[in-house]
Structure formats: structure tokens, C-alpha cells
Amino acid sequence: MEKKQIPNLNSKLLSNAVVASVGMGLPPVINTPDNMAAIVLFVPIEELHGKSAPKIQDDLGLPWHVEGGGKYWFK
């Protein structure tokens, strides 16, 4: 049996993903960009608590979504 890599480094979904929002409660109602869909991830709250958006981005390795299209990478 092939060992699974988390995250899957060959994932086409993750390679094109952007972070839409981050929060401690229910996800907000959002409008997805054209030609995109939404996937919601649940993470342990202690892993998220106290982290800034750039720290979350460093951990996930995903850019933030920019309203109107595009991606944003913090420095």
C-alpha cells in the first residue's frame, strides 16, 4: 500500500487553492470566484488561535484570495 503524504504534494486541488477566510466560528457566507468552488477545512482551534494571517499562510502554503480575482502572498 502506498504511503499517503499530507498534504498530497501532487494535489491539483491544493495547487490551485486560495484561502477565502479564517475564523473561530462558522464559515461566513461567501461568493466564490468565477470558475471556482469552496472546500471547508476544520482544524484544531489551538492550532489557529493567536496566529496572524501571514503565519497561517506560512503553515498552509496557500495564497489569500483577492476580491475580484488574483492571489496574495504576504512577505
N, C-alpha and C. Protein backbone atom coordinates (compact mmCIF):
# COMPACT_ATOMS: atom_id res chain seq x y z
N MET A 1 0.84 -1.18 0.00
CA MET A 1 0.00 0.00 0.00
C MET A 1 0.89 1.24 0.00
N GLU A 2 0.54 2.21 -0.84
CA GLU A 2 1.30 3.45 -0.95
C GLU A 2 1.06 4.33 0.28
N LYS A 3 2.14 4.86 0.84
CA LYS A 3 2.01 5.75 2.00
C LYS A 3 1.46 7.10 1.53
N LYS A 4 0.50 7.62 2.27
CA LYS A 4 -0.12 8.92 1.94
C LYS A 4 0.74 10.06 2.47
N GLN A 5 0.86 11.11 1.68
CA GLN A 5 1.57 12.33 2.08
C GLN A 5 0.52 13.38 2.41
N ILE A 6 0.64 13.99 3.58
CA ILE A 6 -0.29 15.05 3.98
C ILE A 6 0.50 16.34 4.08
N PRO A 7 0.19 17.36 3.32
CA PRO A 7 -0.77 17.29 2.22
C PRO A 7 -0.18 16.55 1.04
N ASN A 8 -1.03 16.17 0.14
CA ASN A 8 -0.61 15.49 -1.08
C ASN A 8 0.11 16.51 -1.96
N LEU A 9 1.40 16.37 -2.10
CA LEU A 9 2.19 17.32 -2.87
C LEU A 9 1.83 17.34 -4.35
N ASN A 10 1.12 16.33 -4.81
CA ASN A 10 0.68 16.27 -6.21
C ASN A 10 -0.77 16.70 -6.39
N SER A 11 -1.37 17.26 -5.35
CA SER A 11 -2.78 17.63 -5.40
C SER A 11 -3.03 18.78 -6.37
N LYS A 12 -3.88 18.53 -7.36
CA LYS A 12 -4.28 19.59 -8.29
C LYS A 12 -5.20 20.57 -7.58
N LEU A 13 -6.02 20.09 -6.64
CA LEU A 13 -6.91 20.97 -5.89
C LEU A 13 -6.11 21.96 -5.06
N LEU A 14 -5.14 21.47 -4.30
CA LEU A 14 -4.36 22.37 -3.44
C LEU A 14 -3.45 23.29 -4.25
N SER A 15 -2.97 22.82 -5.38
CA SER A 15 -2.06 23.66 -6.17
C SER A 15 -2.75 24.89 -6.74
N ASN A 16 -4.07 24.86 -6.81
CA ASN A 16 -4.84 25.99 -7.33
C ASN A 16 -5.71 26.65 -6.27
N ALA A 17 -5.55 26.25 -5.02
CA ALA A 17 -6.40 26.75 -3.94
C ALA A 17 -5.93 28.11 -3.42
N VAL A 18 -6.87 28.87 -2.90
CA VAL A 18 -6.59 30.13 -2.22
C VAL A 18 -7.40 30.14 -0.93
N VAL A 19 -6.91 30.83 0.10
CA VAL A 19 -7.63 30.96 1.35
C VAL A 19 -8.68 32.05 1.19
N ALA A 20 -9.95 31.71 1.45
CA ALA A 20 -11.03 32.69 1.33
C ALA A 20 -11.22 33.45 2.63
N SER A 21 -11.13 32.76 3.76
CA SER A 21 -11.29 33.42 5.05
C SER A 21 -10.82 32.48 6.15
N VAL A 22 -10.63 33.05 7.33
CA VAL A 22 -10.24 32.28 8.51
C VAL A 22 -11.06 32.79 9.67
N GLY A 23 -11.55 31.91 10.51
CA GLY A 23 -12.32 32.34 11.66
C GLY A 23 -12.42 31.26 12.71
N MET A 24 -12.88 31.65 13.88
CA MET A 24 -13.01 30.72 15.00
C MET A 24 -14.40 30.10 15.09
N GLY A 25 -15.33 30.53 14.24
CA GLY A 25 -16.70 30.03 14.29
C GLY A 25 -17.13 29.46 12.97
N LEU A 26 -18.41 29.59 12.69
CA LEU A 26 -18.94 29.10 11.43
C LEU A 26 -18.35 29.87 10.27
N PRO A 27 -18.13 29.22 9.13
CA PRO A 27 -17.61 29.95 7.98
C PRO A 27 -18.63 30.98 7.50
N PRO A 28 -18.15 32.12 7.03
CA PRO A 28 -19.08 33.14 6.55
C PRO A 28 -19.69 32.72 5.22
N VAL A 29 -20.80 33.34 4.89
CA VAL A 29 -21.38 33.13 3.57
C VAL A 29 -20.52 33.93 2.60
N ILE A 30 -19.97 33.25 1.62
CA ILE A 30 -19.08 33.92 0.68
C ILE A 30 -19.53 33.63 -0.75
N ASN A 31 -19.17 34.51 -1.62
CA ASN A 31 -19.38 34.29 -3.05
C ASN A 31 -18.07 33.75 -3.60
N THR A 32 -18.14 32.59 -4.21
CA THR A 32 -16.93 32.02 -4.77
C THR A 32 -16.58 32.72 -6.08
N PRO A 33 -15.29 32.87 -6.36
CA PRO A 33 -14.90 33.48 -7.63
C PRO A 33 -15.38 32.63 -8.81
N ASP A 34 -15.49 33.26 -9.96
CA ASP A 34 -15.89 32.54 -11.17
C ASP A 34 -14.99 31.32 -11.37
N ASN A 35 -15.58 30.25 -11.79
CA ASN A 35 -14.88 29.00 -12.11
C ASN A 35 -14.20 28.36 -10.91
N MET A 36 -14.67 28.68 -9.70
CA MET A 36 -14.10 28.06 -8.50
C MET A 36 -15.22 27.53 -7.63
N ALA A 37 -14.88 26.61 -6.75
CA ALA A 37 -15.82 26.04 -5.77
C ALA A 37 -15.19 26.20 -4.39
N ALA A 38 -15.92 25.88 -3.35
CA ALA A 38 -15.41 26.03 -1.99
C ALA A 38 -15.28 24.66 -1.32
N ILE A 39 -14.19 24.50 -0.57
CA ILE A 39 -13.98 23.34 0.29
C ILE A 39 -13.68 23.90 1.67
N VAL A 40 -14.39 23.44 2.69
CA VAL A 40 -14.19 23.93 4.05
C VAL A 40 -13.33 22.92 4.81
N LEU A 41 -12.29 23.41 5.46
CA LEU A 41 -11.43 22.57 6.29
C LEU A 41 -11.67 22.90 7.75
N PHE A 42 -11.74 21.90 8.60
CA PHE A 42 -11.81 22.12 10.04
C PHE A 42 -10.44 21.79 10.62
N VAL A 43 -9.90 22.70 11.41
CA VAL A 43 -8.60 22.50 12.04
C VAL A 43 -8.76 22.66 13.55
N PRO A 44 -7.88 22.05 14.34
CA PRO A 44 -7.96 22.23 15.79
C PRO A 44 -7.79 23.70 16.16
N ILE A 45 -8.70 24.22 16.98
CA ILE A 45 -8.71 25.64 17.31
C ILE A 45 -7.39 26.08 17.94
N GLU A 46 -6.77 25.21 18.72
CA GLU A 46 -5.49 25.59 19.35
C GLU A 46 -4.38 25.80 18.33
N GLU A 47 -4.51 25.20 17.15
CA GLU A 47 -3.53 25.40 16.10
C GLU A 47 -3.72 26.75 15.39
N LEU A 48 -4.93 27.29 15.45
CA LEU A 48 -5.25 28.54 14.78
C LEU A 48 -5.16 29.74 15.72
N HIS A 49 -5.48 29.51 16.98
CA HIS A 49 -5.56 30.60 17.97
C HIS A 49 -4.24 31.36 18.07
N GLY A 50 -4.33 32.67 17.94
CA GLY A 50 -3.16 33.53 18.10
C GLY A 50 -2.27 33.67 16.87
N LYS A 51 -2.61 32.98 15.79
CA LYS A 51 -1.79 33.08 14.58
C LYS A 51 -2.30 34.21 13.69
N SER A 52 -1.38 34.98 13.16
CA SER A 52 -1.73 36.04 12.21
C SER A 52 -1.96 35.42 10.84
N ALA A 53 -2.56 36.20 9.95
CA ALA A 53 -2.79 35.72 8.58
C ALA A 53 -1.49 35.28 7.90
N PRO A 54 -0.38 36.04 8.03
CA PRO A 54 0.87 35.56 7.42
C PRO A 54 1.36 34.24 8.01
N LYS A 55 1.17 34.04 9.32
CA LYS A 55 1.60 32.77 9.95
C LYS A 55 0.74 31.61 9.46
N ILE A 56 -0.55 31.86 9.30
CA ILE A 56 -1.44 30.81 8.77
C ILE A 56 -1.04 30.48 7.34
N GLN A 57 -0.73 31.51 6.56
CA GLN A 57 -0.30 31.29 5.18
C GLN A 57 1.00 30.48 5.13
N ASP A 58 1.94 30.82 6.01
CA ASP A 58 3.19 30.05 6.06
C ASP A 58 2.92 28.58 6.35
N ASP A 59 1.99 28.32 7.28
CA ASP A 59 1.67 26.95 7.65
C ASP A 59 0.99 26.20 6.51
N LEU A 60 0.00 26.84 5.88
CA LEU A 60 -0.75 26.19 4.81
C LEU A 60 -0.01 26.15 3.48
N GLY A 61 0.79 27.18 3.23
CA GLY A 61 1.46 27.27 1.94
C GLY A 61 0.49 27.64 0.82
N LEU A 62 -0.56 28.39 1.18
CA LEU A 62 -1.57 28.80 0.20
C LEU A 62 -1.71 30.32 0.21
N PRO A 63 -1.93 30.91 -0.98
CA PRO A 63 -2.14 32.36 -1.02
C PRO A 63 -3.54 32.73 -0.55
N TRP A 64 -3.72 34.00 -0.21
CA TRP A 64 -5.03 34.54 0.15
C TRP A 64 -5.75 34.95 -1.12
N HIS A 65 -7.07 34.80 -1.13
CA HIS A 65 -7.89 35.23 -2.26
C HIS A 65 -8.00 36.75 -2.25
N VAL A 66 -7.92 37.35 -3.41
CA VAL A 66 -8.09 38.79 -3.56
C VAL A 66 -9.43 39.04 -4.24
N GLU A 67 -10.26 39.90 -3.63
CA GLU A 67 -11.57 40.23 -4.20
C GLU A 67 -11.40 40.63 -5.66
N GLY A 68 -12.21 40.07 -6.52
CA GLY A 68 -12.14 40.38 -7.94
C GLY A 68 -11.17 39.48 -8.70
N GLY A 69 -10.55 38.54 -8.01
CA GLY A 69 -9.62 37.60 -8.65
C GLY A 69 -8.19 37.87 -8.24
N GLY A 70 -7.38 36.90 -8.37
CA GLY A 70 -5.99 37.05 -8.02
C GLY A 70 -5.64 36.38 -6.70
N LYS A 71 -4.37 36.39 -6.40
CA LYS A 71 -3.83 35.75 -5.20
C LYS A 71 -2.89 36.72 -4.50
N TYR A 72 -2.82 36.60 -3.18
CA TYR A 72 -1.93 37.47 -2.42
C TYR A 72 -1.05 36.65 -1.50
N TRP A 73 0.25 36.89 -1.61
CA TRP A 73 1.23 36.27 -0.72
C TRP A 73 1.78 37.35 0.21
N PHE A 74 1.68 37.11 1.51
CA PHE A 74 2.31 38.01 2.47
C PHE A 74 3.83 37.86 2.33
N LYS A 75 4.56 38.85 2.73
CA LYS A 75 6.03 38.79 2.60
C LYS A 75 6.62 37.78 3.52
